[in-house]
Amino acid sequence: MTLLSDALFSDVMFYLVAAVMIGTAIATIMAKNLLQSAVFLIFSFVGTAILYLMLHAEFMAMAQIMVYAGGVIIFVIFTILLTSHLGESALHIKLPRTFIALMISLAFLWVMVRFVVLTPDLNVATPTATSGYASLSSFALRLLSTGPEGFVIPFEIISLLLLVTLVCAITIARKFKGEE
């Protein structure tokens, strides 16, 4: 009886966290203010970290919080604050944001459903990775390795891309001599 109640609690928590994530993702798209949109995105990232914790992937949950909810959102907020003119009128587009968001969401949902339906053995597949493949030490070695299985070069490329983005945002936001 306890095993059944633990599984039921786990299922209920999963659906609750998933509903909050979907709600905050929709709120991210629907928010009129860019800063509010960034805050909703933080909650969506935290929901993803909670799902990692439910899967007993504590390292991935902490990486999700530190990298995405911490680092990426800070860059997004800095970019918003540096490039937007907070007292001016917002940019008007011809198509409503909700229609564009709905079309992109439906296209993404169609692609996901199509690939899941076309893969009938998805839920019965057995993992082929070795037992130490997902351990923390092997993950750290792969993260710091420069070989074909390593991620140092992509990590450095992404850090340079973020730096260039921040420099471009500052360049766009700075006022020229003639402006006040």
Protein backbone atom coordinates (compact mmCIF):
# COMPACT_ATOMS: atom_id res chain seq x y z
CA MET A 1 0.00 0.00 0.00
CA THR A 2 2.87 2.39 0.75
CA LEU A 3 4.49 1.74 -2.63
CA LEU A 4 1.23 2.61 -4.38
CA SER A 5 0.82 5.82 -2.39
CA ASP A 6 4.45 6.83 -3.10
CA ALA A 7 3.93 6.28 -6.82
CA LEU A 8 0.66 8.21 -6.73
CA PHE A 9 2.31 11.09 -4.85
CA SER A 10 5.18 11.10 -7.35
CA ASP A 11 2.74 11.19 -10.27
CA VAL A 12 0.69 13.98 -8.73
CA MET A 13 3.81 16.03 -8.04
CA PHE A 14 5.03 15.51 -11.60
CA TYR A 15 1.75 16.71 -13.09
CA LEU A 16 1.61 19.64 -10.66
CA VAL A 17 5.15 20.77 -11.54
CA ALA A 18 4.47 20.22 -15.25
CA ALA A 19 1.29 22.33 -15.03
CA VAL A 20 3.18 25.13 -13.28
CA MET A 21 5.93 24.95 -15.93
CA ILE A 22 3.41 25.11 -18.77
CA GLY A 23 1.60 27.97 -17.06
CA THR A 24 4.76 29.99 -16.55
CA ALA A 25 5.92 29.25 -20.10
CA ILE A 26 2.62 30.59 -21.44
CA ALA A 27 2.89 33.58 -19.10
CA THR A 28 6.41 34.18 -20.45
CA ILE A 29 5.01 34.53 -23.94
CA MET A 30 1.88 36.43 -22.97
CA ALA A 31 3.43 39.01 -20.62
CA LYS A 32 3.35 42.56 -21.96
CA ASN A 33 6.39 43.67 -19.97
CA LEU A 34 9.75 42.12 -20.85
CA LEU A 35 10.92 42.07 -17.24
CA GLN A 36 7.80 40.18 -16.17
CA SER A 37 8.43 37.77 -19.01
CA ALA A 38 11.97 37.16 -17.72
CA VAL A 39 10.64 36.48 -14.21
CA PHE A 40 8.16 33.93 -15.55
CA LEU A 41 11.03 32.32 -17.46
CA ILE A 42 12.94 31.97 -14.17
CA PHE A 43 9.99 30.05 -12.69
CA SER A 44 9.89 27.80 -15.74
CA PHE A 45 13.62 27.04 -15.33
CA VAL A 46 13.13 26.31 -11.62
CA GLY A 47 10.32 23.90 -12.56
CA THR A 48 12.74 22.08 -14.84
CA ALA A 49 15.20 21.83 -11.95
CA ILE A 50 12.46 20.36 -9.76
CA LEU A 51 11.82 17.71 -12.41
CA TYR A 52 15.55 16.89 -12.38
CA LEU A 53 15.37 16.52 -8.60
CA MET A 54 12.42 14.16 -8.97
CA LEU A 55 14.58 12.06 -11.30
CA HIS A 56 17.37 12.02 -8.66
CA ALA A 57 19.68 14.03 -10.92
CA GLU A 58 20.79 16.51 -8.28
CA PHE A 59 23.81 17.74 -10.23
CA MET A 60 21.70 18.55 -13.28
CA ALA A 61 19.18 20.35 -11.07
CA MET A 62 21.88 22.53 -9.53
CA ALA A 63 23.40 23.18 -12.96
CA GLN A 64 19.93 24.17 -14.22
CA ILE A 65 19.52 26.65 -11.38
CA MET A 66 23.03 28.09 -11.59
CA VAL A 67 23.41 28.27 -15.37
CA TYR A 68 19.91 29.02 -16.61
CA ALA A 69 17.96 30.56 -13.73
CA GLY A 70 21.08 32.40 -12.56
CA GLY A 71 23.37 33.19 -15.46
CA VAL A 72 21.24 33.26 -18.58
CA ILE A 73 18.39 35.18 -17.00
CA ILE A 74 20.82 37.76 -15.62
CA PHE A 75 22.13 38.28 -19.17
CA VAL A 76 18.56 38.57 -20.46
CA ILE A 77 17.63 41.12 -17.78
CA PHE A 78 20.81 43.14 -18.40
CA THR A 79 20.08 43.13 -22.12
CA ILE A 80 16.50 44.24 -21.55
CA LEU A 81 17.53 47.02 -19.21
CA LEU A 82 20.39 48.21 -21.42
CA THR A 83 18.59 48.17 -24.74
CA SER A 84 15.04 49.18 -23.86
CA HIS A 85 13.94 52.71 -23.37
CA LEU A 86 11.65 52.15 -20.41
CA GLY A 87 9.55 55.29 -20.74
CA GLU A 88 8.88 55.04 -24.48
CA SER A 89 6.08 53.30 -26.32
CA ALA A 90 6.47 49.64 -27.17
CA LEU A 91 7.19 48.31 -30.64
CA HIS A 92 3.96 47.49 -32.47
CA ILE A 93 3.82 44.50 -34.77
CA LYS A 94 1.16 43.69 -37.33
CA LEU A 95 0.37 40.17 -36.10
CA PRO A 96 -0.62 39.74 -32.48
CA ARG A 97 1.94 38.04 -30.26
CA THR A 98 -0.59 35.47 -29.10
CA PHE A 99 -1.26 34.30 -32.66
CA ILE A 100 2.44 33.93 -33.42
CA ALA A 101 3.04 32.13 -30.11
CA LEU A 102 0.09 29.81 -30.75
CA MET A 103 1.34 28.91 -34.23
CA ILE A 104 4.87 28.19 -33.00
CA SER A 105 3.52 26.15 -30.08
CA LEU A 106 1.23 24.11 -32.32
CA ALA A 107 4.06 23.44 -34.77
CA PHE A 108 6.32 22.32 -31.92
CA LEU A 109 3.57 20.11 -30.48
CA TRP A 110 2.95 18.56 -33.91
CA VAL A 111 6.67 17.73 -34.32
CA MET A 112 6.86 16.20 -30.83
CA VAL A 113 3.73 14.08 -31.29
CA ARG A 114 4.82 12.96 -34.73
CA PHE A 115 8.22 11.74 -33.54
CA VAL A 116 6.80 10.03 -30.47
CA VAL A 117 4.10 8.28 -32.51
CA LEU A 118 6.63 7.19 -35.15
CA THR A 119 8.81 5.61 -32.46
CA PRO A 120 6.70 2.78 -31.00
CA ASP A 121 9.60 1.16 -29.12
CA LEU A 122 10.46 4.40 -27.30
CA ASN A 123 9.13 3.26 -23.95
CA VAL A 124 10.60 -0.27 -24.12
CA ALA A 125 14.10 0.63 -25.24
CA THR A 126 16.91 -0.44 -22.94
CA PRO A 127 19.80 1.89 -22.23
CA THR A 128 23.06 0.93 -23.90
CA ALA A 129 25.39 3.25 -21.99
CA THR A 130 27.92 1.83 -19.57
CA SER A 131 27.18 1.98 -15.85
CA GLY A 132 29.61 4.85 -15.14
CA TYR A 133 28.59 6.93 -18.14
CA ALA A 134 26.37 9.32 -16.20
CA SER A 135 28.40 9.48 -13.02
CA LEU A 136 29.57 12.85 -11.75
CA SER A 137 33.25 12.09 -12.29
CA SER A 138 32.79 10.91 -15.88
CA PHE A 139 30.55 13.90 -16.58
CA ALA A 140 33.20 16.27 -15.20
CA LEU A 141 35.93 14.62 -17.26
CA ARG A 142 33.81 14.88 -20.41
CA LEU A 143 32.98 18.50 -19.64
CA LEU A 144 36.65 19.45 -19.30
CA SER A 145 38.00 17.25 -22.08
CA THR A 146 39.17 18.63 -25.42
CA GLY A 147 38.79 15.32 -27.25
CA PRO A 148 35.90 14.25 -29.48
CA GLU A 149 33.75 13.40 -26.44
CA GLY A 150 34.64 16.64 -24.62
CA PHE A 151 32.74 19.89 -24.25
CA VAL A 152 35.43 22.49 -23.53
CA ILE A 153 35.42 23.98 -27.03
CA PRO A 154 31.60 24.35 -27.27
CA PHE A 155 31.59 25.81 -23.75
CA GLU A 156 34.18 28.42 -24.73
CA ILE A 157 32.34 29.23 -27.96
CA ILE A 158 29.11 29.80 -26.03
CA SER A 159 30.90 32.00 -23.48
CA LEU A 160 32.36 34.11 -26.30
CA LEU A 161 28.93 34.35 -27.92
CA LEU A 162 27.42 35.59 -24.64
CA LEU A 163 30.24 38.12 -24.27
CA VAL A 164 29.71 39.42 -27.81
CA THR A 165 25.97 39.66 -27.13
CA LEU A 166 26.55 41.72 -24.01
CA VAL A 167 29.02 44.04 -25.79
CA CYS A 168 26.55 44.51 -28.66
CA ALA A 169 23.75 45.29 -26.20
CA ILE A 170 25.89 47.91 -24.49
CA THR A 171 26.88 49.38 -27.88
CA ILE A 172 23.26 49.63 -28.95
CA ALA A 173 22.14 51.08 -25.62
CA ARG A 174 24.80 53.73 -25.16
CA LYS A 175 23.88 57.24 -26.06
CA PHE A 176 25.77 59.11 -28.72
CA LYS A 177 27.12 62.64 -28.24
CA GLY A 178 24.10 64.31 -29.85
CA GLU A 179 21.52 62.37 -27.82
CA GLU A 180 20.39 63.26 -24.33
